[in-house]
Amino acid sequence: MVLSFSNTYFSDWKIENPGLEDRHFWISLPFCTMYVVAVVGNCGLLYLIRYEDSLHRSMYYFLAMLSLTDLVMCSTTIPKALCIFWFHLKEISFDECLVQMFFIYAFTGMESGVLMLMALDRYVVICYPLRYSTILTNPIIAKAGLATFLRGVLLVIPLTFIIQRLPYCRGNIIHHTYCDHMAVAKLSCGNIKINVIYGPMVALLIGGFDILCISVSYTMILWTVVSLSSAEARWKAFSTCTAHICAIVFSYCPAFFCFFSHRFGGHSIPPSCHIIVANIYLLLPPTMNPVIYGVKTKLIRDCVIRILFMF
């Protein structure tokens, strides 16, 4: 099987970005730049959180989980996309396609879960500041991270099985830059009804639950902040959430666009637009999260400045 944007049970599958072949080089430049920023930024954050004692707190442990998730998520897709853009290496084996699909959906689900945990962290620090260190202990943080990871893995494993069981006879070209679940399923000549149902169900179970928890957390945060006596105290309390709010916006807005445009956009949106947005959905959060937290978080900013002056 080879991934060249089109086929299935043949010797090779291929992945392609239809309609933009003559612009692959120019499309690849921002993709490559964003990927380098994502790798350097997230690796830098992981290094700081590992070696700076001042960052050994629950907020930064959750940020480390987010950085690790982002690294896996973008590294699963972007190197292959760049190989397509630069070297026309479109082939992928069916097994590689399944592995890529698993990592994409498991870690996008984990990123959503980590954002939810970070919202709960902000809720505790603002609403229960005196009990913060006793509520979010290291064992609790580790268990929450493990539960988030297992949730993504256990919900995505069936997705790979229902793709694997399908018979394929409609070519071997996947019209995408990676193994998107429905892009692969549409190549099957079998019944894909369960695929059509299970994909949105997983998105609802993971994303819907996380968004609900984030909404409730910020409702309680807003209620607490508004009740503070001084404007300075209200601003100081809410400013601790701005980096996380930006991370939520950069993560969920492209995801919502992908979800609703596929289901309600019909044929009014060109396929190439769907593909580019789907890649941005996997690349934008890993690129922006370290930038946002580096700019908005004083402790991280101070650590970076101190390290730069050491050189």
Protein backbone atom coordinates (compact mmCIF):
# COMPACT_ATOMS: atom_id res chain seq x y z
CA MET A 1 0.00 0.00 0.00
CA VAL A 2 1.28 3.49 -0.70
CA LEU A 3 0.11 6.91 0.34
CA SER A 4 0.03 9.21 -2.65
CA PHE A 5 -3.29 10.86 -2.05
CA SER A 6 -5.44 8.22 -3.73
CA ASN A 7 -5.34 4.36 -3.62
CA THR A 8 -5.99 1.29 -1.47
CA TYR A 9 -5.37 -2.46 -1.56
CA PHE A 10 -2.82 -2.20 -4.30
CA SER A 11 0.91 -2.57 -3.94
CA ASP A 12 1.24 1.14 -3.11
CA TRP A 13 -0.85 4.01 -1.79
CA LYS A 14 -0.27 7.65 -2.57
CA ILE A 15 -1.15 10.99 -0.97
CA GLU A 16 -1.78 14.14 -2.98
CA ASN A 17 -2.95 17.73 -2.60
CA PRO A 18 -5.26 18.03 -5.62
CA GLY A 19 -5.31 21.31 -7.55
CA LEU A 20 -2.20 22.84 -5.98
CA GLU A 21 0.63 20.74 -7.45
CA ASP A 22 2.25 23.76 -9.13
CA ARG A 23 2.31 25.65 -5.81
CA HIS A 24 3.73 22.94 -3.58
CA PHE A 25 7.06 24.70 -3.11
CA TRP A 26 5.47 27.97 -1.97
CA ILE A 27 3.01 26.17 0.31
CA SER A 28 5.87 24.23 1.86
CA LEU A 29 7.76 27.36 2.98
CA PRO A 30 5.32 28.49 5.71
CA PHE A 31 4.72 24.85 6.66
CA CYS A 32 8.45 24.26 7.11
CA THR A 33 8.93 27.53 9.03
CA MET A 34 6.05 26.77 11.39
CA TYR A 35 7.31 23.23 11.93
CA VAL A 36 10.80 24.44 12.85
CA VAL A 37 9.30 26.97 15.27
CA ALA A 38 7.09 24.24 16.75
CA VAL A 39 9.97 21.79 17.28
CA VAL A 40 12.41 24.37 18.67
CA GLY A 41 9.79 26.09 20.83
CA ASN A 42 8.31 22.96 22.36
CA CYS A 43 11.69 21.31 22.92
CA GLY A 44 12.82 24.55 24.57
CA LEU A 45 9.79 24.55 26.85
CA LEU A 46 10.38 20.92 27.82
CA TYR A 47 14.02 21.71 28.60
CA LEU A 48 13.10 24.70 30.77
CA ILE A 49 10.43 22.83 32.69
CA ARG A 50 12.79 19.90 33.24
CA TYR A 51 15.77 21.86 34.56
CA GLU A 52 14.33 25.05 36.11
CA ASP A 53 13.22 24.46 39.70
CA SER A 54 10.95 27.51 39.62
CA LEU A 55 8.85 25.81 36.92
CA HIS A 56 8.21 22.66 38.93
CA ARG A 57 4.53 23.46 39.48
CA SER A 58 1.30 21.92 38.24
CA MET A 59 0.68 24.58 35.60
CA TYR A 60 4.05 23.92 33.99
CA TYR A 61 3.70 20.15 34.26
CA PHE A 62 0.47 20.43 32.26
CA LEU A 63 2.29 22.73 29.83
CA ALA A 64 5.00 20.06 29.44
CA MET A 65 2.27 17.52 28.59
CA LEU A 66 0.88 19.95 26.02
CA SER A 67 4.32 20.52 24.47
CA LEU A 68 5.04 16.80 24.23
CA THR A 69 1.62 16.19 22.68
CA ASP A 70 2.16 19.00 20.17
CA LEU A 71 5.56 17.63 19.18
CA VAL A 72 4.15 14.18 18.43
CA MET A 73 1.09 15.58 16.68
CA CYS A 74 2.93 17.81 14.19
CA SER A 75 5.87 15.40 13.69
CA THR A 76 3.43 12.66 12.67
CA THR A 77 2.20 14.64 9.66
CA ILE A 78 4.40 17.56 8.62
CA PRO A 79 7.63 15.70 7.66
CA LYS A 80 5.61 13.50 5.30
CA ALA A 81 3.82 16.54 3.87
CA LEU A 82 7.18 18.25 3.23
CA CYS A 83 8.44 15.10 1.49
CA ILE A 84 5.41 15.31 -0.79
CA PHE A 85 5.90 19.02 -1.48
CA TRP A 86 9.67 18.88 -2.07
CA PHE A 87 10.51 15.40 -3.35
CA HIS A 88 7.15 14.06 -4.60
CA LEU A 89 7.52 11.10 -2.23
CA LYS A 90 3.82 10.30 -2.09
CA GLU A 91 3.94 6.59 -1.33
CA ILE A 92 2.97 5.12 2.02
CA SER A 93 2.26 1.55 3.10
CA PHE A 94 -1.14 0.64 4.46
CA ASP A 95 0.34 -0.27 7.85
CA GLU A 96 2.18 3.06 8.00
CA CYS A 97 -1.07 4.77 7.12
CA LEU A 98 -2.85 3.10 10.05
CA VAL A 99 -0.04 4.01 12.46
CA GLN A 100 -0.08 7.62 11.30
CA MET A 101 -3.86 7.76 11.65
CA PHE A 102 -3.67 6.36 15.18
CA PHE A 103 -1.08 8.91 16.34
CA ILE A 104 -2.92 11.83 14.74
CA TYR A 105 -6.26 11.13 16.39
CA ALA A 106 -4.92 9.85 19.71
CA PHE A 107 -2.75 12.91 20.25
CA THR A 108 -5.26 15.47 19.00
CA GLY A 109 -7.62 13.96 21.56
CA MET A 110 -4.89 14.17 24.19
CA GLU A 111 -4.22 17.82 23.37
CA SER A 112 -7.89 18.60 23.90
CA GLY A 113 -7.75 16.75 27.21
CA VAL A 114 -4.64 18.61 28.37
CA LEU A 115 -6.28 21.95 27.54
CA MET A 116 -9.20 20.85 29.70
CA LEU A 117 -6.84 19.93 32.57
CA MET A 118 -5.15 23.32 32.24
CA ALA A 119 -8.56 25.00 32.52
CA LEU A 120 -9.20 23.07 35.73
CA ASP A 121 -5.76 24.16 36.95
CA ARG A 122 -6.68 27.82 36.34
CA TYR A 123 -10.00 27.25 38.13
CA VAL A 124 -8.28 25.88 41.24
CA VAL A 125 -5.58 28.58 41.36
CA ILE A 126 -8.14 31.41 41.13
CA CYS A 127 -11.06 29.96 43.08
CA TYR A 128 -9.10 28.01 45.73
CA PRO A 129 -5.67 29.70 45.89
CA LEU A 130 -4.92 28.63 49.48
CA ARG A 131 -5.60 24.96 48.67
CA TYR A 132 -3.90 24.95 45.26
CA SER A 133 -0.80 23.00 46.28
CA THR A 134 -2.80 20.44 48.27
CA ILE A 135 -5.41 19.82 45.53
CA LEU A 136 -3.06 19.55 42.54
CA THR A 137 -0.34 17.33 43.92
CA ASN A 138 2.18 15.56 41.72
CA PRO A 139 0.39 12.16 41.97
CA ILE A 140 -2.91 13.79 40.98
CA ILE A 141 -1.25 15.51 38.01
CA ALA A 142 0.36 12.24 36.87
CA LYS A 143 -2.94 10.33 37.16
CA ALA A 144 -4.83 13.05 35.27
CA GLY A 145 -2.26 13.01 32.46
CA LEU A 146 -2.32 9.22 32.26
CA ALA A 147 -6.14 9.16 32.19
CA THR A 148 -6.16 11.73 29.37
CA PHE A 149 -3.66 9.67 27.37
CA LEU A 150 -5.54 6.40 27.90
CA ARG A 151 -8.85 8.01 26.94
CA GLY A 152 -7.44 9.08 23.58
CA VAL A 153 -5.77 5.73 22.93
CA LEU A 154 -8.78 3.57 23.90
CA LEU A 155 -11.22 5.62 21.81
CA VAL A 156 -8.97 5.76 18.73
CA ILE A 157 -7.89 2.09 18.61
CA PRO A 158 -11.33 0.96 17.29
CA LEU A 159 -11.00 3.61 14.55
CA THR A 160 -7.96 1.85 13.11
CA PHE A 161 -9.71 -1.54 13.27
CA ILE A 162 -12.81 -0.38 11.42
CA ILE A 163 -10.57 1.12 8.72
CA GLN A 164 -8.47 -2.05 8.49
CA ARG A 165 -11.49 -4.33 8.03
CA LEU A 166 -12.75 -2.48 4.93
CA PRO A 167 -12.20 -3.81 1.37
CA TYR A 168 -10.53 -1.29 -0.95
CA CYS A 169 -11.12 -1.16 -4.68
CA ARG A 170 -11.49 2.52 -5.64
CA GLY A 171 -7.87 3.36 -6.35
CA ASN A 172 -4.88 3.93 -4.15
CA ILE A 173 -4.68 7.74 -3.99
CA ILE A 174 -5.62 9.53 -0.78
CA HIS A 175 -6.56 13.12 -1.53
CA HIS A 176 -4.83 14.57 1.49
CA THR A 177 -1.33 15.15 2.88
CA TYR A 178 -1.84 12.52 5.58
CA CYS A 179 -4.05 9.54 6.34
CA ASP A 180 -7.28 11.25 7.25
CA HIS A 181 -9.89 8.80 8.50
CA MET A 182 -12.69 9.64 6.05
CA ALA A 183 -10.32 10.28 3.13
CA VAL A 184 -9.15 6.67 3.49
CA ALA A 185 -12.63 5.27 4.18
CA LYS A 186 -14.02 6.83 0.99
CA LEU A 187 -11.64 4.66 -1.04
CA SER A 188 -13.47 1.56 0.18
CA CYS A 189 -16.08 -0.24 -1.86
CA GLY A 190 -17.58 -1.65 1.36
CA ASN A 191 -20.12 -0.26 3.82
CA ILE A 192 -18.56 2.71 5.65
CA LYS A 193 -21.65 3.63 7.70
CA ILE A 194 -19.93 2.68 10.97
CA ASN A 195 -16.96 4.90 10.00
CA VAL A 196 -19.28 7.82 9.32
CA ILE A 197 -20.89 7.36 12.74
CA TYR A 198 -17.89 6.47 14.89
CA GLY A 199 -15.63 9.36 13.81
CA PRO A 200 -18.01 12.17 14.90
CA MET A 201 -18.94 10.14 17.99
CA VAL A 202 -15.29 10.09 19.14
CA ALA A 203 -15.00 13.82 18.40
CA LEU A 204 -18.12 14.45 20.49
CA LEU A 205 -17.00 12.23 23.38
CA ILE A 206 -13.58 13.87 23.56
CA GLY A 207 -14.05 17.40 22.28
CA GLY A 208 -17.60 17.87 23.55
CA PHE A 209 -16.73 16.74 27.07
CA ASP A 210 -13.56 18.84 27.18
CA ILE A 211 -15.27 21.98 25.88
CA LEU A 212 -18.03 21.51 28.47
CA CYS A 213 -15.46 21.25 31.29
CA ILE A 214 -13.54 24.27 29.96
CA SER A 215 -16.76 26.31 29.74
CA VAL A 216 -17.81 25.42 33.29
CA SER A 217 -14.31 26.19 34.61
CA TYR A 218 -14.21 29.62 33.00
CA THR A 219 -17.74 30.41 34.09
CA MET A 220 -16.67 29.78 37.69
CA ILE A 221 -13.43 31.73 37.13
CA LEU A 222 -15.35 34.70 35.71
CA TRP A 223 -17.77 34.60 38.63
CA THR A 224 -14.89 34.64 41.12
CA VAL A 225 -12.94 37.37 39.29
CA VAL A 226 -15.97 39.68 39.04
CA SER A 227 -16.57 39.35 42.78
CA LEU A 228 -13.08 40.68 43.63
CA SER A 229 -13.04 44.10 45.24
CA SER A 230 -10.49 46.02 43.13
CA ALA A 231 -10.02 46.37 39.40
CA GLU A 232 -6.31 45.66 39.81
CA ALA A 233 -7.02 42.36 41.57
CA ARG A 234 -9.54 41.39 38.88
CA TRP A 235 -7.06 42.14 36.09
CA LYS A 236 -4.21 40.31 37.84
CA ALA A 237 -6.38 37.22 38.41
CA PHE A 238 -7.75 37.08 34.88
CA SER A 239 -4.37 37.82 33.25
CA THR A 240 -3.15 34.43 34.52
CA CYS A 241 -5.64 32.86 32.08
CA THR A 242 -4.83 34.81 28.91
CA ALA A 243 -2.16 32.40 27.62
CA HIS A 244 -4.49 29.44 28.12
CA ILE A 245 -7.40 31.23 26.42
CA CYS A 246 -5.17 31.97 23.41
CA ALA A 247 -4.11 28.29 23.29
CA ILE A 248 -7.78 27.25 23.30
CA VAL A 249 -8.58 29.63 20.43
CA PHE A 250 -5.67 28.40 18.29
CA SER A 251 -6.57 24.77 18.97
CA TYR A 252 -10.34 24.74 18.60
CA CYS A 253 -11.03 27.33 15.88
CA PRO A 254 -9.29 25.38 13.04
CA ALA A 255 -10.85 22.16 14.41
CA PHE A 256 -14.35 23.66 14.30
CA PHE A 257 -13.77 24.95 10.77
CA CYS A 258 -12.66 21.49 9.60
CA PHE A 259 -15.57 19.76 11.30
CA PHE A 260 -18.36 22.05 10.10
CA SER A 261 -17.00 22.76 6.61
CA HIS A 262 -16.83 19.03 5.84
CA ARG A 263 -20.40 18.49 6.99
CA PHE A 264 -22.15 21.70 5.91
CA GLY A 265 -19.81 23.28 3.36
CA GLY A 266 -20.79 20.88 0.62
CA HIS A 267 -18.90 21.46 -2.62
CA SER A 268 -18.69 25.24 -2.14
CA ILE A 269 -15.23 24.97 -0.52
CA PRO A 270 -12.42 23.64 -2.79
CA PRO A 271 -10.81 20.36 -1.63
CA SER A 272 -7.40 22.06 -1.51
CA CYS A 273 -8.77 24.52 1.05
CA HIS A 274 -9.99 21.65 3.24
CA ILE A 275 -6.57 20.01 3.05
CA ILE A 276 -4.62 23.18 3.91
CA VAL A 277 -6.88 23.96 6.88
CA ALA A 278 -6.61 20.37 8.08
CA ASN A 279 -2.82 20.72 8.09
CA ILE A 280 -3.01 24.10 9.83
CA TYR A 281 -5.25 22.48 12.44
CA LEU A 282 -2.40 20.07 13.27
CA LEU A 283 0.41 22.63 12.92
CA LEU A 284 -0.90 25.93 14.29
CA PRO A 285 -1.31 24.92 17.97
CA PRO A 286 2.19 23.36 18.24
CA THR A 287 3.64 26.50 16.64
CA MET A 288 1.76 29.08 18.66
CA ASN A 289 1.59 27.47 22.11
CA PRO A 290 5.30 27.91 23.00
CA VAL A 291 5.22 31.45 21.58
CA ILE A 292 2.12 32.35 23.59
CA TYR A 293 3.41 30.92 26.85
CA GLY A 294 6.88 32.36 26.26
CA VAL A 295 5.45 35.86 25.83
CA LYS A 296 2.60 35.76 28.34
CA THR A 297 4.20 33.82 31.22
CA LYS A 298 6.67 35.90 33.25
CA LEU A 299 8.52 32.94 34.78
CA ILE A 300 9.18 31.35 31.40
CA ARG A 301 10.14 34.68 29.90
CA ASP A 302 12.60 35.38 32.71
CA CYS A 303 14.15 31.91 32.37
CA VAL A 304 14.62 32.37 28.62
CA ILE A 305 16.21 35.81 29.09
CA ARG A 306 18.54 34.48 31.78
CA ILE A 307 19.68 31.57 29.58
CA LEU A 308 20.23 33.89 26.58
CA PHE A 309 22.41 36.22 28.66
CA MET A 310 24.48 33.23 29.78
CA PHE A 311 25.67 32.93 26.17
